[in-house]
PDB file of N, CA and C in Angstrom:
ATOM      1  N   MET A   1      -0.942 -10.574  -5.946  1.00  0.00           N
ATOM      2  CA  MET A   1       0.331 -10.429  -6.597  1.00  0.00           C
ATOM      3  C   MET A   1       1.425 -10.694  -5.561  1.00  0.00           C
ATOM      4  N   LEU A   2       2.262 -11.664  -5.806  1.00  0.00           N
ATOM      5  CA  LEU A   2       3.354 -12.010  -4.903  1.00  0.00           C
ATOM      6  C   LEU A   2       4.671 -11.658  -5.557  1.00  0.00           C
ATOM      7  N   LYS A   3       5.598 -11.172  -4.763  1.00  0.00           N
ATOM      8  CA  LYS A   3       6.952 -10.979  -5.253  1.00  0.00           C
ATOM      9  C   LYS A   3       7.895 -11.224  -4.097  1.00  0.00           C
ATOM     10  N   ARG A   4       9.135 -11.412  -4.415  1.00  0.00           N
ATOM     11  CA  ARG A   4      10.134 -11.620  -3.379  1.00  0.00           C
ATOM     12  C   ARG A   4      10.882 -10.316  -3.187  1.00  0.00           C
ATOM     13  N   LEU A   5      11.098  -9.974  -1.941  1.00  0.00           N
ATOM     14  CA  LEU A   5      11.753  -8.725  -1.605  1.00  0.00           C
ATOM     15  C   LEU A   5      13.131  -9.009  -1.037  1.00  0.00           C
ATOM     16  N   ASP A   6      14.143  -8.400  -1.611  1.00  0.00           N
ATOM     17  CA  ASP A   6      15.495  -8.503  -1.087  1.00  0.00           C
ATOM     18  C   ASP A   6      15.613  -7.457   0.008  1.00  0.00           C
ATOM     19  N   LEU A   7      15.599  -7.901   1.265  1.00  0.00           N
ATOM     20  CA  LEU A   7      15.555  -6.981   2.391  1.00  0.00           C
ATOM     21  C   LEU A   7      16.892  -6.316   2.655  1.00  0.00           C
ATOM     22  N   CYS A   8      17.966  -7.033   2.508  1.00  0.00           N
ATOM     23  CA  CYS A   8      19.284  -6.484   2.816  1.00  0.00           C
ATOM     24  C   CYS A   8      20.278  -6.937   1.756  1.00  0.00           C
ATOM     25  N   GLN A   9      20.996  -5.998   1.221  1.00  0.00           N
ATOM     26  CA  GLN A   9      21.989  -6.336   0.208  1.00  0.00           C
ATOM     27  C   GLN A   9      23.108  -7.194   0.791  1.00  0.00           C
ATOM     28  N   GLU A  10      23.493  -6.922   2.069  1.00  0.00           N
ATOM     29  CA  GLU A  10      24.631  -7.626   2.654  1.00  0.00           C
ATOM     30  C   GLU A  10      24.341  -9.114   2.871  1.00  0.00           C
ATOM     31  N   GLN A  11      23.179  -9.420   3.447  1.00  0.00           N
ATOM     32  CA  GLN A  11      22.899 -10.803   3.811  1.00  0.00           C
ATOM     33  C   GLN A  11      22.075 -11.558   2.780  1.00  0.00           C
ATOM     34  N   ARG A  12      21.451 -10.853   1.892  1.00  0.00           N
ATOM     35  CA  ARG A  12      20.603 -11.493   0.881  1.00  0.00           C
ATOM     36  C   ARG A  12      19.496 -12.332   1.520  1.00  0.00           C
ATOM     37  N   SER A  13      18.922 -11.839   2.598  1.00  0.00           N
ATOM     38  CA  SER A  13      17.817 -12.509   3.273  1.00  0.00           C
ATOM     39  C   SER A  13      16.523 -12.204   2.514  1.00  0.00           C
ATOM     40  N   LEU A  14      15.748 -13.227   2.204  1.00  0.00           N
ATOM     41  CA  LEU A  14      14.528 -13.036   1.432  1.00  0.00           C
ATOM     42  C   LEU A  14      13.300 -13.402   2.252  1.00  0.00           C
ATOM     43  N   MET A  15      12.269 -12.588   2.150  1.00  0.00           N
ATOM     44  CA  MET A  15      10.951 -12.899   2.707  1.00  0.00           C
ATOM     45  C   MET A  15       9.951 -12.616   1.601  1.00  0.00           C
ATOM     46  N   GLN A  16       8.859 -13.376   1.589  1.00  0.00           N
ATOM     47  CA  GLN A  16       7.814 -13.102   0.611  1.00  0.00           C
ATOM     48  C   GLN A  16       7.035 -11.870   1.035  1.00  0.00           C
ATOM     49  N   LEU A  17       6.635 -11.097   0.042  1.00  0.00           N
ATOM     50  CA  LEU A  17       5.881  -9.876   0.261  1.00  0.00           C
ATOM     51  C   LEU A  17       4.696  -9.868  -0.686  1.00  0.00           C
ATOM     52  N   ARG A  18       3.547  -9.434  -0.199  1.00  0.00           N
ATOM     53  CA  ARG A  18       2.417  -9.233  -1.104  1.00  0.00           C
ATOM     54  C   ARG A  18       1.778  -7.892  -0.783  1.00  0.00           C
ATOM     55  N   LYS A  19       1.405  -7.184  -1.852  1.00  0.00           N
ATOM     56  CA  LYS A  19       0.740  -5.904  -1.719  1.00  0.00           C
ATOM     57  C   LYS A  19      -0.741  -6.156  -1.435  1.00  0.00           C
ATOM     58  N   LEU A  20      -1.305  -5.349  -0.541  1.00  0.00           N
ATOM     59  CA  LEU A  20      -2.723  -5.460  -0.223  1.00  0.00           C
ATOM     60  C   LEU A  20      -3.548  -4.676  -1.231  1.00  0.00           C
ATOM     61  N   SER A  21      -4.778  -5.104  -1.445  1.00  0.00           N
ATOM     62  CA  SER A  21      -5.692  -4.429  -2.361  1.00  0.00           C
ATOM     63  C   SER A  21      -6.373  -3.261  -1.666  1.00  0.00           C
ATOM     64  N   ALA A  22      -6.672  -2.235  -2.431  1.00  0.00           N
ATOM     65  CA  ALA A  22      -7.444  -1.099  -1.920  1.00  0.00           C
ATOM     66  C   ALA A  22      -8.915  -1.513  -1.922  1.00  0.00           C
ATOM     67  N   ARG A  23      -9.481  -1.741  -0.762  1.00  0.00           N
ATOM     68  CA  ARG A  23     -10.871  -2.181  -0.629  1.00  0.00           C
ATOM     69  C   ARG A  23     -11.719  -1.064  -0.044  1.00  0.00           C
ATOM     70  N   ILE A  24     -13.001  -1.111  -0.319  1.00  0.00           N
ATOM     71  CA  ILE A  24     -13.921  -0.110   0.215  1.00  0.00           C
ATOM     72  C   ILE A  24     -13.847  -0.141   1.737  1.00  0.00           C
ATOM     73  N   GLY A  25     -13.679   1.036   2.321  1.00  0.00           N
ATOM     74  CA  GLY A  25     -13.550   1.167   3.765  1.00  0.00           C
ATOM     75  C   GLY A  25     -12.115   1.161   4.263  1.00  0.00           C
ATOM     76  N   ALA A  26     -11.171   0.765   3.408  1.00  0.00           N
ATOM     77  CA  ALA A  26      -9.765   0.697   3.810  1.00  0.00           C
ATOM     78  C   ALA A  26      -9.146   2.092   3.860  1.00  0.00           C
ATOM     79  N   VAL A  27      -8.235   2.286   4.799  1.00  0.00           N
ATOM     80  CA  VAL A  27      -7.436   3.504   4.855  1.00  0.00           C
ATOM     81  C   VAL A  27      -6.143   3.223   4.095  1.00  0.00           C
ATOM     82  N   VAL A  28      -5.888   4.028   3.070  1.00  0.00           N
ATOM     83  CA  VAL A  28      -4.731   3.836   2.187  1.00  0.00           C
ATOM     84  C   VAL A  28      -3.972   5.152   2.069  1.00  0.00           C
ATOM     85  N   ARG A  29      -2.780   5.089   1.492  1.00  0.00           N
ATOM     86  CA  ARG A  29      -1.997   6.302   1.241  1.00  0.00           C
ATOM     87  C   ARG A  29      -2.018   6.626  -0.245  1.00  0.00           C
ATOM     88  N   THR A  30      -2.014   7.916  -0.545  1.00  0.00           N
ATOM     89  CA  THR A  30      -1.944   8.346  -1.939  1.00  0.00           C
ATOM     90  C   THR A  30      -0.503   8.255  -2.425  1.00  0.00           C
ATOM     91  N   VAL A  31      -0.339   7.962  -3.718  1.00  0.00           N
ATOM     92  CA  VAL A  31       0.982   7.839  -4.328  1.00  0.00           C
ATOM     93  C   VAL A  31       0.943   8.558  -5.669  1.00  0.00           C
ATOM     94  N   ASP A  32       1.831   9.511  -5.850  1.00  0.00           N
ATOM     95  CA  ASP A  32       1.939  10.169  -7.147  1.00  0.00           C
ATOM     96  C   ASP A  32       2.870   9.317  -7.999  1.00  0.00           C
ATOM     97  N   ALA A  33       2.295   8.440  -8.810  1.00  0.00           N
ATOM     98  CA  ALA A  33       3.050   7.422  -9.546  1.00  0.00           C
ATOM     99  C   ALA A  33       3.053   7.745 -11.040  1.00  0.00           C
ATOM    100  N   TYR A  34       4.107   8.399 -11.492  1.00  0.00           N
ATOM    101  CA  TYR A  34       4.224   8.760 -12.905  1.00  0.00           C
ATOM    102  C   TYR A  34       4.014   7.533 -13.784  1.00  0.00           C
ATOM    103  N   PRO A  35       3.258   7.598 -14.826  1.00  0.00           N
ATOM    104  CA  PRO A  35       2.577   8.744 -15.429  1.00  0.00           C
ATOM    105  C   PRO A  35       1.159   8.970 -14.896  1.00  0.00           C
ATOM    106  N   TYR A  36       0.798   8.294 -13.817  1.00  0.00           N
ATOM    107  CA  TYR A  36      -0.542   8.414 -13.255  1.00  0.00           C
ATOM    108  C   TYR A  36      -0.538   9.474 -12.156  1.00  0.00           C
ATOM    109  N   SER A  37      -1.004  10.655 -12.469  1.00  0.00           N
ATOM    110  CA  SER A  37      -0.981  11.763 -11.520  1.00  0.00           C
ATOM    111  C   SER A  37      -2.187  11.734 -10.600  1.00  0.00           C
ATOM    112  N   LEU A  38      -1.992  12.261  -9.409  1.00  0.00           N
ATOM    113  CA  LEU A  38      -3.092  12.438  -8.473  1.00  0.00           C
ATOM    114  C   LEU A  38      -3.922  13.640  -8.914  1.00  0.00           C
ATOM    115  N   PRO A  39      -5.189  13.692  -8.496  1.00  0.00           N
ATOM    116  CA  PRO A  39      -6.002  14.872  -8.817  1.00  0.00           C
ATOM    117  C   PRO A  39      -5.348  16.138  -8.261  1.00  0.00           C
ATOM    118  N   LYS A  40      -5.511  17.230  -8.984  1.00  0.00           N
ATOM    119  CA  LYS A  40      -4.932  18.510  -8.563  1.00  0.00           C
ATOM    120  C   LYS A  40      -5.451  18.873  -7.173  1.00  0.00           C
ATOM    121  N   GLY A  41      -4.531  19.156  -6.246  1.00  0.00           N
ATOM    122  CA  GLY A  41      -4.900  19.520  -4.887  1.00  0.00           C
ATOM    123  C   GLY A  41      -4.803  18.387  -3.880  1.00  0.00           C
ATOM    124  N   LEU A  42      -4.709  17.144  -4.357  1.00  0.00           N
ATOM    125  CA  LEU A  42      -4.560  16.000  -3.456  1.00  0.00           C
ATOM    126  C   LEU A  42      -3.076  15.659  -3.358  1.00  0.00           C
ATOM    127  N   PRO A  43      -2.466  15.865  -2.177  1.00  0.00           N
ATOM    128  CA  PRO A  43      -1.020  15.642  -2.059  1.00  0.00           C
ATOM    129  C   PRO A  43      -0.630  14.167  -2.020  1.00  0.00           C
ATOM    130  N   ASP A  44       0.622  13.926  -2.329  1.00  0.00           N
ATOM    131  CA  ASP A  44       1.218  12.597  -2.258  1.00  0.00           C
ATOM    132  C   ASP A  44       1.437  12.212  -0.798  1.00  0.00           C
ATOM    133  N   GLY A  45       1.143  10.955  -0.443  1.00  0.00           N
ATOM    134  CA  GLY A  45       1.475  10.440   0.875  1.00  0.00           C
ATOM    135  C   GLY A  45       0.465  10.689   1.980  1.00  0.00           C
ATOM    136  N   VAL A  46      -0.713  11.204   1.663  1.00  0.00           N
ATOM    137  CA  VAL A  46      -1.715  11.427   2.711  1.00  0.00           C
ATOM    138  C   VAL A  46      -2.620  10.204   2.835  1.00  0.00           C
ATOM    139  N   GLU A  47      -3.149   9.994   4.035  1.00  0.00           N
ATOM    140  CA  GLU A  47      -4.084   8.892   4.250  1.00  0.00           C
ATOM    141  C   GLU A  47      -5.478   9.312   3.812  1.00  0.00           C
ATOM    142  N   VAL A  48      -6.125   8.426   3.066  1.00  0.00           N
ATOM    143  CA  VAL A  48      -7.493   8.626   2.610  1.00  0.00           C
ATOM    144  C   VAL A  48      -8.262   7.325   2.841  1.00  0.00           C
ATOM    145  N   THR A  49      -9.572   7.423   2.884  1.00  0.00           N
ATOM    146  CA  THR A  49     -10.427   6.243   3.032  1.00  0.00           C
ATOM    147  C   THR A  49     -11.104   5.959   1.704  1.00  0.00           C
ATOM    148  N   VAL A  50     -11.066   4.691   1.265  1.00  0.00           N
ATOM    149  CA  VAL A  50     -11.727   4.307   0.017  1.00  0.00           C
ATOM    150  C   VAL A  50     -13.232   4.270   0.267  1.00  0.00           C
ATOM    151  N   VAL A  51     -13.960   5.087  -0.493  1.00  0.00           N
ATOM    152  CA  VAL A  51     -15.407   5.217  -0.325  1.00  0.00           C
ATOM    153  C   VAL A  51     -16.159   4.318  -1.295  1.00  0.00           C
ATOM    154  N   SER A  52     -15.691   4.273  -2.550  1.00  0.00           N
ATOM    155  CA  SER A  52     -16.387   3.452  -3.547  1.00  0.00           C
ATOM    156  C   SER A  52     -15.453   3.103  -4.697  1.00  0.00           C
ATOM    157  N   TYR A  53     -15.915   2.151  -5.500  1.00  0.00           N
ATOM    158  CA  TYR A  53     -15.185   1.706  -6.682  1.00  0.00           C
ATOM    159  C   TYR A  53     -16.204   1.507  -7.794  1.00  0.00           C
ATOM    160  N   ASP A  54     -15.918   2.050  -8.977  1.00  0.00           N
ATOM    161  CA  ASP A  54     -16.823   1.951 -10.116  1.00  0.00           C
ATOM    162  C   ASP A  54     -16.327   0.869 -11.073  1.00  0.00           C
ATOM    163  N   LEU A  55     -17.092  -0.207 -11.217  1.00  0.00           N
ATOM    164  CA  LEU A  55     -16.693  -1.326 -12.082  1.00  0.00           C
ATOM    165  C   LEU A  55     -16.650  -0.955 -13.561  1.00  0.00           C
ATOM    166  N   ARG A  56     -17.419   0.058 -13.960  1.00  0.00           N
ATOM    167  CA  ARG A  56     -17.420   0.470 -15.373  1.00  0.00           C
ATOM    168  C   ARG A  56     -16.180   1.276 -15.734  1.00  0.00           C
ATOM    169  N   THR A  57     -15.803   2.215 -14.874  1.00  0.00           N
ATOM    170  CA  THR A  57     -14.695   3.112 -15.195  1.00  0.00           C
ATOM    171  C   THR A  57     -13.398   2.739 -14.487  1.00  0.00           C
ATOM    172  N   TYR A  58     -13.478   1.820 -13.506  1.00  0.00           N
ATOM    173  CA  TYR A  58     -12.335   1.410 -12.687  1.00  0.00           C
ATOM    174  C   TYR A  58     -11.798   2.555 -11.822  1.00  0.00           C
ATOM    175  N   ASN A  59     -12.626   3.547 -11.562  1.00  0.00           N
ATOM    176  CA  ASN A  59     -12.234   4.683 -10.718  1.00  0.00           C
ATOM    177  C   ASN A  59     -12.558   4.392  -9.261  1.00  0.00           C
ATOM    178  N   TYR A  60     -11.683   4.875  -8.385  1.00  0.00           N
ATOM    179  CA  TYR A  60     -11.912   4.825  -6.946  1.00  0.00           C
ATOM    180  C   TYR A  60     -12.321   6.214  -6.487  1.00  0.00           C
ATOM    181  N   VAL A  61     -13.226   6.286  -5.530  1.00  0.00           N
ATOM    182  CA  VAL A  61     -13.528   7.548  -4.859  1.00  0.00           C
ATOM    183  C   VAL A  61     -13.000   7.404  -3.442  1.00  0.00           C
ATOM    184  N   VAL A  62     -12.195   8.391  -3.030  1.00  0.00           N
ATOM    185  CA  VAL A  62     -11.598   8.371  -1.695  1.00  0.00           C
ATOM    186  C   VAL A  62     -11.969   9.659  -0.965  1.00  0.00           C
ATOM    187  N   ARG A  63     -11.909   9.593   0.372  1.00  0.00           N
ATOM    188  CA  ARG A  63     -12.213  10.758   1.203  1.00  0.00           C
ATOM    189  C   ARG A  63     -11.007  11.054   2.087  1.00  0.00           C
ATOM    190  N   ASP A  64     -10.585  12.332   2.099  1.00  0.00           N
ATOM    191  CA  ASP A  64      -9.457  12.721   2.944  1.00  0.00           C
ATOM    192  C   ASP A  64      -9.952  13.114   4.335  1.00  0.00           C
ATOM    193  N   ALA A  65      -9.027  13.450   5.236  1.00  0.00           N
ATOM    194  CA  ALA A  65      -9.377  13.764   6.626  1.00  0.00           C
ATOM    195  C   ALA A  65     -10.362  14.929   6.753  1.00  0.00           C
ATOM    196  N   PRO A  66     -10.230  16.011   5.953  1.00  0.00           N
ATOM    197  CA  PRO A  66     -11.208  17.099   6.051  1.00  0.00           C
ATOM    198  C   PRO A  66     -12.587  16.754   5.449  1.00  0.00           C
ATOM    199  N   GLY A  67     -12.708  15.570   4.838  1.00  0.00           N
ATOM    200  CA  GLY A  67     -13.991  15.144   4.290  1.00  0.00           C
ATOM    201  C   GLY A  67     -14.184  15.401   2.808  1.00  0.00           C
ATOM    202  N   ARG A  68     -13.159  15.894   2.132  1.00  0.00           N
ATOM    203  CA  ARG A  68     -13.258  16.112   0.681  1.00  0.00           C
ATOM    204  C   ARG A  68     -13.150  14.775  -0.042  1.00  0.00           C
ATOM    205  N   GLU A  69     -13.926  14.639  -1.101  1.00  0.00           N
ATOM    206  CA  GLU A  69     -13.872  13.408  -1.902  1.00  0.00           C
ATOM    207  C   GLU A  69     -13.122  13.659  -3.194  1.00  0.00           C
ATOM    208  N   TRP A  70     -12.353  12.648  -3.584  1.00  0.00           N
ATOM    209  CA  TRP A  70     -11.503  12.722  -4.773  1.00  0.00           C
ATOM    210  C   TRP A  70     -11.717  11.476  -5.615  1.00  0.00           C
ATOM    211  N   THR A  71     -11.659  11.637  -6.925  1.00  0.00           N
ATOM    212  CA  THR A  71     -11.728  10.494  -7.838  1.00  0.00           C
ATOM    213  C   THR A  71     -10.314  10.123  -8.252  1.00  0.00           C
ATOM    214  N   ILE A  72      -9.962   8.872  -8.009  1.00  0.00           N
ATOM    215  CA  ILE A  72      -8.641   8.335  -8.363  1.00  0.00           C
ATOM    216  C   ILE A  72      -8.834   7.443  -9.584  1.00  0.00           C
ATOM    217  N   ARG A  73      -8.155   7.766 -10.661  1.00  0.00           N
ATOM    218  CA  ARG A  73      -8.361   7.052 -11.920  1.00  0.00           C
ATOM    219  C   ARG A  73      -7.417   5.874 -12.139  1.00  0.00           C
ATOM    220  N   ALA A  74      -6.422   5.719 -11.292  1.00  0.00           N
ATOM    221  CA  ALA A  74      -5.471   4.612 -11.478  1.00  0.00           C
ATOM    222  C   ALA A  74      -5.161   3.960 -10.132  1.00  0.00           C
ATOM    223  N   LEU A  75      -5.245   2.649 -10.086  1.00  0.00           N
ATOM    224  CA  LEU A  75      -4.947   1.899  -8.867  1.00  0.00           C
ATOM    225  C   LEU A  75      -3.526   2.173  -8.375  1.00  0.00           C
ATOM    226  N   GLN A  76      -2.618   2.508  -9.296  1.00  0.00           N
ATOM    227  CA  GLN A  76      -1.231   2.777  -8.920  1.00  0.00           C
ATOM    228  C   GLN A  76      -1.121   3.972  -7.980  1.00  0.00           C
ATOM    229  N   ASN A  77      -2.161   4.796  -7.883  1.00  0.00           N
ATOM    230  CA  ASN A  77      -2.150   5.973  -7.020  1.00  0.00           C
ATOM    231  C   ASN A  77      -2.586   5.676  -5.593  1.00  0.00           C
ATOM    232  N   LEU A  78      -2.869   4.412  -5.274  1.00  0.00           N
ATOM    233  CA  LEU A  78      -3.286   4.041  -3.922  1.00  0.00           C
ATOM    234  C   LEU A  78      -2.388   2.937  -3.384  1.00  0.00           C
ATOM    235  N   ASP A  79      -1.879   3.136  -2.172  1.00  0.00           N
ATOM    236  CA  ASP A  79      -1.030   2.142  -1.518  1.00  0.00           C
ATOM    237  C   ASP A  79      -1.738   1.666  -0.255  1.00  0.00           C
ATOM    238  N   ALA A  80      -2.197   0.419  -0.284  1.00  0.00           N
ATOM    239  CA  ALA A  80      -2.911  -0.157   0.860  1.00  0.00           C
ATOM    240  C   ALA A  80      -1.968  -0.889   1.806  1.00  0.00           C
ATOM    241  N   GLY A  81      -0.675  -0.840   1.538  1.00  0.00           N
ATOM    242  CA  GLY A  81       0.289  -1.507   2.401  1.00  0.00           C
ATOM    243  C   GLY A  81       0.640  -2.900   1.899  1.00  0.00           C
ATOM    244  N   SER A  82       1.365  -3.614   2.749  1.00  0.00           N
ATOM    245  CA  SER A  82       1.871  -4.936   2.380  1.00  0.00           C
ATOM    246  C   SER A  82       1.761  -5.895   3.550  1.00  0.00           C
ATOM    247  N   GLU A  83       1.907  -7.169   3.221  1.00  0.00           N
ATOM    248  CA  GLU A  83       2.010  -8.214   4.235  1.00  0.00           C
ATOM    249  C   GLU A  83       3.252  -9.043   3.919  1.00  0.00           C
ATOM    250  N   TYR A  84       3.869  -9.589   4.968  1.00  0.00           N
ATOM    251  CA  TYR A  84       5.053 -10.437   4.822  1.00  0.00           C
ATOM    252  C   TYR A  84       4.730 -11.847   5.292  1.00  0.00           C
ATOM    253  N   MET A  85       5.283 -12.831   4.592  1.00  0.00           N
ATOM    254  CA  MET A  85       5.165 -14.224   5.006  1.00  0.00           C
ATOM    255  C   MET A  85       6.258 -14.496   6.028  1.00  0.00           C
ATOM    256  N   LEU A  86       5.831 -14.844   7.246  1.00  0.00           N
ATOM    257  CA  LEU A  86       6.774 -15.128   8.316  1.00  0.00           C
ATOM    258  C   LEU A  86       6.195 -16.239   9.178  1.00  0.00           C
ATOM    259  N   GLY A  87       6.952 -17.295   9.347  1.00  0.00           N
ATOM    260  CA  GLY A  87       6.487 -18.420  10.153  1.00  0.00           C
ATOM    261  C   GLY A  87       5.273 -19.103   9.563  1.00  0.00           C
ATOM    262  N   GLY A  88       5.150 -19.074   8.244  1.00  0.00           N
ATOM    263  CA  GLY A  88       4.043 -19.754   7.581  1.00  0.00           C
ATOM    264  C   GLY A  88       2.723 -18.993   7.572  1.00  0.00           C
ATOM    265  N   ARG A  89       2.760 -17.717   7.970  1.00  0.00           N
ATOM    266  CA  ARG A  89       1.524 -16.935   7.930  1.00  0.00           C
ATOM    267  C   ARG A  89       1.821 -15.511   7.469  1.00  0.00           C
ATOM    268  N   TRP A  90       0.793 -14.884   6.898  1.00  0.00           N
ATOM    269  CA  TRP A  90       0.921 -13.516   6.415  1.00  0.00           C
ATOM    270  C   TRP A  90       0.675 -12.548   7.563  1.00  0.00           C
ATOM    271  N   LEU A  91       1.614 -11.625   7.761  1.00  0.00           N
ATOM    272  CA  LEU A  91       1.525 -10.639   8.829  1.00  0.00           C
ATOM    273  C   LEU A  91       1.627  -9.232   8.237  1.00  0.00           C
ATOM    274  N   PRO A  92       0.930  -8.249   8.824  1.00  0.00           N
ATOM    275  CA  PRO A  92       1.017  -6.880   8.309  1.00  0.00           C
ATOM    276  C   PRO A  92       2.427  -6.315   8.477  1.00  0.00           C
ATOM    277  N   GLU A  93       2.756  -5.359   7.632  1.00  0.00           N
ATOM    278  CA  GLU A  93       4.113  -4.803   7.612  1.00  0.00           C
ATOM    279  C   GLU A  93       4.527  -4.138   8.921  1.00  0.00           C
ATOM    280  N   ASP A  94       3.568  -3.749   9.755  1.00  0.00           N
ATOM    281  CA  ASP A  94       3.908  -3.114  11.026  1.00  0.00           C
ATOM    282  C   ASP A  94       3.812  -4.077  12.219  1.00  0.00           C
ATOM    283  N   HIS A  95       3.661  -5.366  11.951  1.00  0.00           N
ATOM    284  CA  HIS A  95       3.586  -6.365  13.027  1.00  0.00           C
ATOM    285  C   HIS A  95       4.946  -6.451  13.728  1.00  0.00           C
ATOM    286  N   PRO A  96       4.962  -6.553  15.061  1.00  0.00           N
ATOM    287  CA  PRO A  96       6.241  -6.608  15.790  1.00  0.00           C
ATOM    288  C   PRO A  96       7.178  -7.712  15.323  1.00  0.00           C
ATOM    289  N   LEU A  97       6.662  -8.882  14.954  1.00  0.00           N
ATOM    290  CA  LEU A  97       7.532  -9.966  14.488  1.00  0.00           C
ATOM    291  C   LEU A  97       8.175  -9.628  13.142  1.00  0.00           C
ATOM    292  N   VAL A  98       7.424  -8.988  12.266  1.00  0.00           N
ATOM    293  CA  VAL A  98       7.968  -8.579  10.964  1.00  0.00           C
ATOM    294  C   VAL A  98       9.046  -7.523  11.171  1.00  0.00           C
ATOM    295  N   LEU A  99       8.762  -6.537  12.010  1.00  0.00           N
ATOM    296  CA  LEU A  99       9.742  -5.481  12.262  1.00  0.00           C
ATOM    297  C   LEU A  99      11.015  -6.050  12.885  1.00  0.00           C
ATOM    298  N   ALA A 100      10.859  -7.000  13.794  1.00  0.00           N
ATOM    299  CA  ALA A 100      12.028  -7.634  14.420  1.00  0.00           C
ATOM    300  C   ALA A 100      12.844  -8.400  13.386  1.00  0.00           C
ATOM    301  N   GLU A 101      12.185  -9.120  12.501  1.00  0.00           N
ATOM    302  CA  GLU A 101      12.901  -9.872  11.461  1.00  0.00           C
ATOM    303  C   GLU A 101      13.617  -8.946  10.501  1.00  0.00           C
ATOM    304  N   LEU A 102      12.971  -7.845  10.155  1.00  0.00           N
ATOM    305  CA  LEU A 102      13.626  -6.866   9.269  1.00  0.00           C
ATOM    306  C   LEU A 102      14.861  -6.283   9.945  1.00  0.00           C
ATOM    307  N   ARG A 103      14.749  -5.952  11.209  1.00  0.00           N
ATOM    308  CA  ARG A 103      15.922  -5.427  11.942  1.00  0.00           C
ATOM    309  C   ARG A 103      17.023  -6.480  12.041  1.00  0.00           C
ATOM    310  N   ARG A 104      16.640  -7.714  12.342  1.00  0.00           N
ATOM    311  CA  ARG A 104      17.606  -8.802  12.515  1.00  0.00           C
ATOM    312  C   ARG A 104      18.383  -9.068  11.221  1.00  0.00           C
ATOM    313  N   THR A 105      17.701  -9.073  10.108  1.00  0.00           N
ATOM    314  CA  THR A 105      18.344  -9.427   8.844  1.00  0.00           C
ATOM    315  C   THR A 105      19.070  -8.257   8.199  1.00  0.00           C
ATOM    316  N   CYS A 106      18.833  -7.053   8.689  1.00  0.00           N
ATOM    317  CA  CYS A 106      19.469  -5.881   8.089  1.00  0.00           C
ATOM    318  C   CYS A 106      20.633  -5.330   8.907  1.00  0.00           C
ATOM    319  N   THR A 107      21.029  -6.057   9.939  1.00  0.00           N
ATOM    320  CA  THR A 107      22.145  -5.552  10.755  1.00  0.00           C
ATOM    321  C   THR A 107      23.380  -6.387  10.555  1.00  0.00           C
TER     322      THR A 107
END
């Protein structure tokens, strides 16, 4: 899924952004995304590891830092991060070149 992100209202600088998929083994963040609630006891914004995915039910099983496993029923509840198109290649959102470009275009 590709979309264009307006990084700064003042300059109207645009970079392409794509959301990453939650894959087995990936470390992702939980998101309490109405109307899709997180399981009771699993807080919003914590890092979890994707353990499995069920093709029949479309449920993800994730494991938190203490080792508890949770069933996530909606993909909207998992944020695997993003990548930005810069210089003709996709770079992770925390890449130094991406961060520099974001700072440059937002000042």
